[in-house]
Amino acid sequence: MLSLPPAVLVPDDSAAAIDAAAEGRIRGALLTGAKDRATIIISHRPYPTSWANRVVHVNYGQKGTVF
């Protein structure tokens, strides 16, 4: 159990193999948990890009386009 909220969240592909309803619940939890924190989301799906401030595409370990 953490005594203080983390300053940075790093969910790794949190919606990889779930249905749309569960994805919506996870998205809501991430938005709530990410408030006032730096959040780095690792994902193969495009849903986080809809609310991200910055998107970095990484291909085979090489940083690509920054949106």
Protein backbone atom coordinates (compact mmCIF):
# COMPACT_ATOMS: atom_id res chain seq x y z
CA MET A 1 0.00 0.00 0.00
CA LEU A 2 1.32 3.42 -0.96
CA SER A 3 1.24 6.12 1.68
CA LEU A 4 1.44 8.95 -0.88
CA PRO A 5 -0.10 9.15 -4.35
CA PRO A 6 2.50 8.52 -7.04
CA ALA A 7 3.79 11.54 -8.99
CA VAL A 8 4.00 9.49 -12.20
CA LEU A 9 1.67 6.76 -13.50
CA VAL A 10 2.88 4.25 -16.11
CA PRO A 11 0.07 1.89 -17.18
CA ASP A 12 1.42 -0.61 -19.71
CA ASP A 13 -1.17 -1.49 -22.37
CA SER A 14 -3.97 -1.47 -19.83
CA ALA A 15 -6.67 -2.12 -22.47
CA ALA A 16 -4.94 -4.80 -24.54
CA ALA A 17 -7.45 -7.66 -24.40
CA ILE A 18 -10.74 -6.36 -23.04
CA ASP A 19 -14.22 -5.51 -24.30
CA ALA A 20 -15.48 -1.97 -24.98
CA ALA A 21 -17.32 -1.65 -21.65
CA ALA A 22 -14.24 -2.58 -19.62
CA GLU A 23 -12.11 -0.26 -21.76
CA GLY A 24 -14.46 2.60 -20.89
CA ARG A 25 -14.14 1.88 -17.17
CA ILE A 26 -10.34 1.73 -17.44
CA ARG A 27 -10.27 4.98 -19.43
CA GLY A 28 -12.34 6.68 -16.72
CA ALA A 29 -10.05 5.39 -13.98
CA LEU A 30 -6.96 6.51 -15.90
CA LEU A 31 -8.37 9.99 -16.44
CA THR A 32 -9.17 10.27 -12.74
CA GLY A 33 -5.81 8.82 -11.67
CA ALA A 34 -3.84 10.93 -14.16
CA LYS A 35 -5.23 14.22 -12.88
CA ASP A 36 -2.37 16.42 -11.60
CA ARG A 37 0.27 13.74 -12.40
CA ALA A 38 2.59 12.96 -15.25
CA THR A 39 1.25 9.88 -17.02
CA ILE A 40 3.12 7.77 -19.54
CA ILE A 41 0.82 5.35 -21.33
CA ILE A 42 2.27 2.45 -23.29
CA SER A 43 -0.30 1.19 -25.76
CA HIS A 44 -0.82 -0.49 -29.10
CA ARG A 45 -4.30 1.00 -29.35
CA PRO A 46 -5.15 4.58 -30.30
CA TYR A 47 -7.62 5.45 -27.50
CA PRO A 48 -5.12 7.34 -25.27
CA THR A 49 -4.29 9.76 -28.08
CA SER A 50 -7.73 11.32 -27.81
CA TRP A 51 -6.86 12.97 -24.48
CA ALA A 52 -3.06 13.05 -24.46
CA ASN A 53 -1.11 16.32 -24.48
CA ARG A 54 1.71 14.69 -26.44
CA VAL A 55 2.04 11.46 -28.38
CA VAL A 56 5.42 9.92 -29.18
CA HIS A 57 5.60 7.09 -31.68
CA VAL A 58 8.41 4.64 -30.94
CA ASN A 59 9.32 2.05 -33.55
CA TYR A 60 11.85 -0.69 -32.76
CA GLY A 61 13.32 1.38 -29.93
CA GLN A 62 13.81 4.47 -32.08
CA LYS A 63 11.88 7.64 -31.27
CA GLY A 64 9.83 8.68 -34.26
CA THR A 65 7.25 11.37 -34.75
CA VAL A 66 6.14 13.54 -31.84
CA PHE A 67 2.59 14.80 -32.15
